[in-house]
Amino acid sequence: MTHVTTVVIALKTLTLALGGLITFFAFKAYRRTGSPALRALTIGFGIVTLGALLAGVADQALHLRRSTVLVIESALSAVGFAAIAYSLYAD
């Protein structure tokens, strides 16, 4: 394992921890208020976090090509950020 790989794994782990924490707090706020905007925010952050997780699994466990991993992460990030953007306009 190279030094760069170790740094990427550490940063992905931090991303998963922080993304999971944000998703958890957004979900708690949604459960407390029932707000559709908070539901969309929860879904958005969950998808972005899931993208980081799946990209890491695809790279480290499944040994997929880096270009494929990048497409997986980018696609899920785009969908997640679309949900977050929607949450800013939901009532």
N, C-alpha and C. Protein backbone atom coordinates (compact mmCIF):
# COMPACT_ATOMS: atom_id res chain seq x y z
N MET A 1 0.85 -1.17 0.00
CA MET A 1 0.00 0.00 0.00
C MET A 1 0.90 1.24 0.00
N THR A 2 0.63 2.14 -0.94
CA THR A 2 1.45 3.34 -1.04
C THR A 2 1.01 4.39 -0.03
N HIS A 3 1.86 5.39 0.15
CA HIS A 3 1.56 6.49 1.05
C HIS A 3 0.30 7.23 0.61
N VAL A 4 0.15 7.42 -0.69
CA VAL A 4 -1.02 8.12 -1.23
C VAL A 4 -2.29 7.32 -0.94
N THR A 5 -2.23 6.02 -1.11
CA THR A 5 -3.39 5.16 -0.83
C THR A 5 -3.79 5.27 0.63
N THR A 6 -2.83 5.29 1.52
CA THR A 6 -3.12 5.42 2.94
C THR A 6 -3.80 6.75 3.24
N VAL A 7 -3.32 7.81 2.64
CA VAL A 7 -3.92 9.14 2.84
C VAL A 7 -5.35 9.17 2.30
N VAL A 8 -5.57 8.60 1.12
CA VAL A 8 -6.91 8.56 0.52
C VAL A 8 -7.86 7.77 1.41
N ILE A 9 -7.42 6.63 1.93
CA ILE A 9 -8.27 5.82 2.82
C ILE A 9 -8.60 6.60 4.08
N ALA A 10 -7.63 7.30 4.64
CA ALA A 10 -7.88 8.11 5.84
C ALA A 10 -8.89 9.22 5.55
N LEU A 11 -8.73 9.89 4.42
CA LEU A 11 -9.65 10.98 4.07
C LEU A 11 -11.05 10.45 3.76
N LYS A 12 -11.14 9.31 3.11
CA LYS A 12 -12.46 8.70 2.85
C LYS A 12 -13.13 8.29 4.15
N THR A 13 -12.36 7.78 5.09
CA THR A 13 -12.91 7.40 6.39
C THR A 13 -13.44 8.63 7.12
N LEU A 14 -12.71 9.71 7.07
CA LEU A 14 -13.16 10.96 7.68
C LEU A 14 -14.43 11.47 6.98
N THR A 15 -14.46 11.39 5.66
CA THR A 15 -15.64 11.79 4.90
C THR A 15 -16.86 10.96 5.30
N LEU A 16 -16.68 9.66 5.44
CA LEU A 16 -17.79 8.79 5.85
C LEU A 16 -18.27 9.13 7.25
N ALA A 17 -17.34 9.36 8.16
CA ALA A 17 -17.72 9.68 9.54
C ALA A 17 -18.48 11.01 9.60
N LEU A 18 -17.96 12.03 8.95
CA LEU A 18 -18.62 13.34 8.97
C LEU A 18 -19.93 13.32 8.19
N GLY A 19 -19.94 12.67 7.04
CA GLY A 19 -21.17 12.55 6.26
C GLY A 19 -22.24 11.79 7.01
N GLY A 20 -21.83 10.73 7.69
CA GLY A 20 -22.78 9.96 8.50
C GLY A 20 -23.34 10.79 9.65
N LEU A 21 -22.49 11.57 10.27
CA LEU A 21 -22.92 12.43 11.37
C LEU A 21 -23.90 13.50 10.89
N ILE A 22 -23.59 14.15 9.78
CA ILE A 22 -24.50 15.15 9.22
C ILE A 22 -25.83 14.52 8.84
N THR A 23 -25.77 13.36 8.21
CA THR A 23 -27.00 12.66 7.82
C THR A 23 -27.83 12.30 9.05
N PHE A 24 -27.18 11.83 10.09
CA PHE A 24 -27.87 11.46 11.33
C PHE A 24 -28.58 12.67 11.94
N PHE A 25 -27.88 13.80 12.04
CA PHE A 25 -28.50 14.99 12.64
C PHE A 25 -29.62 15.55 11.76
N ALA A 26 -29.43 15.49 10.45
CA ALA A 26 -30.50 15.93 9.55
C ALA A 26 -31.73 15.03 9.71
N PHE A 27 -31.51 13.73 9.85
CA PHE A 27 -32.62 12.79 10.04
C PHE A 27 -33.33 13.05 11.37
N LYS A 28 -32.56 13.30 12.43
CA LYS A 28 -33.18 13.62 13.73
C LYS A 28 -34.05 14.87 13.61
N ALA A 29 -33.54 15.89 12.91
CA ALA A 29 -34.31 17.13 12.73
C ALA A 29 -35.58 16.85 11.91
N TYR A 30 -35.45 16.01 10.88
CA TYR A 30 -36.63 15.66 10.09
C TYR A 30 -37.67 14.93 10.94
N ARG A 31 -37.21 13.97 11.74
CA ARG A 31 -38.15 13.22 12.59
C ARG A 31 -38.85 14.14 13.59
N ARG A 32 -38.13 15.12 14.08
CA ARG A 32 -38.70 16.04 15.06
C ARG A 32 -39.72 16.98 14.42
N THR A 33 -39.45 17.44 13.19
CA THR A 33 -40.30 18.45 12.56
C THR A 33 -41.23 17.92 11.48
N GLY A 34 -40.83 16.82 10.84
CA GLY A 34 -41.61 16.30 9.72
C GLY A 34 -41.48 17.14 8.46
N SER A 35 -40.49 18.01 8.40
CA SER A 35 -40.31 18.92 7.28
C SER A 35 -39.83 18.18 6.03
N PRO A 36 -40.55 18.38 4.90
CA PRO A 36 -40.09 17.77 3.63
C PRO A 36 -38.70 18.27 3.22
N ALA A 37 -38.38 19.51 3.55
CA ALA A 37 -37.06 20.05 3.21
C ALA A 37 -35.97 19.30 3.96
N LEU A 38 -36.21 19.01 5.23
CA LEU A 38 -35.21 18.26 6.00
C LEU A 38 -35.12 16.82 5.55
N ARG A 39 -36.25 16.26 5.08
CA ARG A 39 -36.21 14.90 4.53
C ARG A 39 -35.32 14.88 3.29
N ALA A 40 -35.51 15.87 2.39
CA ALA A 40 -34.69 15.94 1.18
C ALA A 40 -33.22 16.18 1.53
N LEU A 41 -32.97 16.99 2.53
CA LEU A 41 -31.59 17.24 2.97
C LEU A 41 -30.96 15.95 3.49
N THR A 42 -31.71 15.20 4.28
CA THR A 42 -31.22 13.91 4.80
C THR A 42 -30.90 12.96 3.66
N ILE A 43 -31.80 12.86 2.70
CA ILE A 43 -31.58 11.97 1.56
C ILE A 43 -30.35 12.41 0.77
N GLY A 44 -30.22 13.71 0.55
CA GLY A 44 -29.08 14.22 -0.21
C GLY A 44 -27.75 13.91 0.45
N PHE A 45 -27.64 14.22 1.73
CA PHE A 45 -26.38 13.93 2.42
C PHE A 45 -26.15 12.42 2.51
N GLY A 46 -27.21 11.66 2.66
CA GLY A 46 -27.06 10.20 2.68
C GLY A 46 -26.52 9.66 1.37
N ILE A 47 -27.00 10.19 0.26
CA ILE A 47 -26.54 9.74 -1.05
C ILE A 47 -25.09 10.13 -1.29
N VAL A 48 -24.73 11.36 -0.93
CA VAL A 48 -23.34 11.79 -1.08
C VAL A 48 -22.41 10.90 -0.25
N THR A 49 -22.82 10.62 0.97
CA THR A 49 -22.02 9.75 1.86
C THR A 49 -21.96 8.34 1.32
N LEU A 50 -23.08 7.84 0.82
CA LEU A 50 -23.11 6.50 0.22
C LEU A 50 -22.16 6.42 -0.98
N GLY A 51 -22.10 7.50 -1.76
CA GLY A 51 -21.19 7.54 -2.91
C GLY A 51 -19.74 7.38 -2.49
N ALA A 52 -19.36 8.05 -1.40
CA ALA A 52 -18.00 7.91 -0.89
C ALA A 52 -17.73 6.47 -0.43
N LEU A 53 -18.71 5.88 0.24
CA LEU A 53 -18.57 4.50 0.72
C LEU A 53 -18.45 3.53 -0.45
N LEU A 54 -19.36 3.63 -1.40
CA LEU A 54 -19.33 2.70 -2.53
C LEU A 54 -18.08 2.86 -3.38
N ALA A 55 -17.62 4.09 -3.54
CA ALA A 55 -16.38 4.31 -4.30
C ALA A 55 -15.20 3.64 -3.59
N GLY A 56 -15.15 3.76 -2.28
CA GLY A 56 -14.08 3.11 -1.52
C GLY A 56 -14.14 1.60 -1.63
N VAL A 57 -15.34 1.04 -1.53
CA VAL A 57 -15.50 -0.42 -1.65
C VAL A 57 -15.13 -0.87 -3.06
N ALA A 58 -15.60 -0.12 -4.07
CA ALA A 58 -15.29 -0.49 -5.46
C ALA A 58 -13.79 -0.46 -5.72
N ASP A 59 -13.11 0.49 -5.11
CA ASP A 59 -11.67 0.62 -5.33
C ASP A 59 -10.87 -0.40 -4.54
N GLN A 60 -11.13 -0.51 -3.25
CA GLN A 60 -10.30 -1.34 -2.37
C GLN A 60 -10.70 -2.81 -2.36
N ALA A 61 -12.00 -3.10 -2.35
CA ALA A 61 -12.45 -4.49 -2.22
C ALA A 61 -12.70 -5.14 -3.58
N LEU A 62 -13.31 -4.40 -4.49
CA LEU A 62 -13.65 -4.98 -5.78
C LEU A 62 -12.58 -4.76 -6.84
N HIS A 63 -11.63 -3.88 -6.54
CA HIS A 63 -10.51 -3.58 -7.44
C HIS A 63 -10.97 -3.18 -8.84
N LEU A 64 -12.01 -2.35 -8.89
CA LEU A 64 -12.46 -1.83 -10.17
C LEU A 64 -11.48 -0.77 -10.66
N ARG A 65 -11.55 -0.47 -11.95
CA ARG A 65 -10.69 0.57 -12.51
C ARG A 65 -10.99 1.90 -11.85
N ARG A 66 -9.96 2.73 -11.70
CA ARG A 66 -10.14 4.04 -11.05
C ARG A 66 -11.14 4.91 -11.79
N SER A 67 -11.19 4.80 -13.11
CA SER A 67 -12.15 5.59 -13.87
C SER A 67 -13.59 5.18 -13.53
N THR A 68 -13.81 3.90 -13.34
CA THR A 68 -15.14 3.40 -12.95
C THR A 68 -15.51 3.89 -11.56
N VAL A 69 -14.55 3.83 -10.66
CA VAL A 69 -14.76 4.31 -9.28
C VAL A 69 -15.11 5.79 -9.30
N LEU A 70 -14.41 6.56 -10.10
CA LEU A 70 -14.66 7.99 -10.20
C LEU A 70 -16.07 8.27 -10.73
N VAL A 71 -16.52 7.49 -11.71
CA VAL A 71 -17.86 7.66 -12.25
C VAL A 71 -18.91 7.35 -11.19
N ILE A 72 -18.72 6.28 -10.42
CA ILE A 72 -19.65 5.92 -9.35
C ILE A 72 -19.76 7.05 -8.34
N GLU A 73 -18.63 7.52 -7.86
CA GLU A 73 -18.65 8.58 -6.85
C GLU A 73 -19.22 9.88 -7.40
N SER A 74 -18.85 10.23 -8.61
CA SER A 74 -19.33 11.48 -9.21
C SER A 74 -20.84 11.44 -9.44
N ALA A 75 -21.33 10.31 -9.92
CA ALA A 75 -22.78 10.19 -10.18
C ALA A 75 -23.57 10.30 -8.89
N LEU A 76 -23.14 9.60 -7.85
CA LEU A 76 -23.87 9.67 -6.59
C LEU A 76 -23.73 11.04 -5.94
N SER A 77 -22.60 11.68 -6.10
CA SER A 77 -22.44 13.04 -5.58
C SER A 77 -23.39 14.00 -6.29
N ALA A 78 -23.50 13.88 -7.60
CA ALA A 78 -24.40 14.75 -8.36
C ALA A 78 -25.85 14.56 -7.94
N VAL A 79 -26.27 13.31 -7.79
CA VAL A 79 -27.65 13.03 -7.36
C VAL A 79 -27.88 13.56 -5.94
N GLY A 80 -26.91 13.33 -5.05
CA GLY A 80 -27.04 13.81 -3.68
C GLY A 80 -27.10 15.32 -3.59
N PHE A 81 -26.24 16.00 -4.36
CA PHE A 81 -26.26 17.46 -4.34
C PHE A 81 -27.54 18.01 -4.97
N ALA A 82 -28.11 17.29 -5.94
CA ALA A 82 -29.40 17.71 -6.50
C ALA A 82 -30.48 17.65 -5.42
N ALA A 83 -30.47 16.60 -4.60
CA ALA A 83 -31.43 16.49 -3.50
C ALA A 83 -31.21 17.59 -2.47
N ILE A 84 -29.96 17.92 -2.19
CA ILE A 84 -29.65 19.00 -1.24
C ILE A 84 -30.14 20.34 -1.82
N ALA A 85 -29.90 20.57 -3.10
CA ALA A 85 -30.38 21.80 -3.73
C ALA A 85 -31.90 21.88 -3.68
N TYR A 86 -32.56 20.75 -3.94
CA TYR A 86 -34.02 20.71 -3.84
C TYR A 86 -34.49 21.06 -2.44
N SER A 87 -33.76 20.58 -1.44
CA SER A 87 -34.16 20.84 -0.05
C SER A 87 -34.17 22.32 0.28
N LEU A 88 -33.41 23.10 -0.44
CA LEU A 88 -33.36 24.55 -0.20
C LEU A 88 -34.62 25.24 -0.72
N TYR A 89 -35.36 24.57 -1.63
CA TYR A 89 -36.56 25.15 -2.21
C TYR A 89 -37.83 24.49 -1.73
N ALA A 90 -37.75 23.35 -1.06
CA ALA A 90 -38.94 22.65 -0.59
C ALA A 90 -39.57 23.42 0.57
N ASP A 91 -40.87 23.32 0.67
CA ASP A 91 -41.59 24.00 1.76
C ASP A 91 -41.57 23.20 3.03
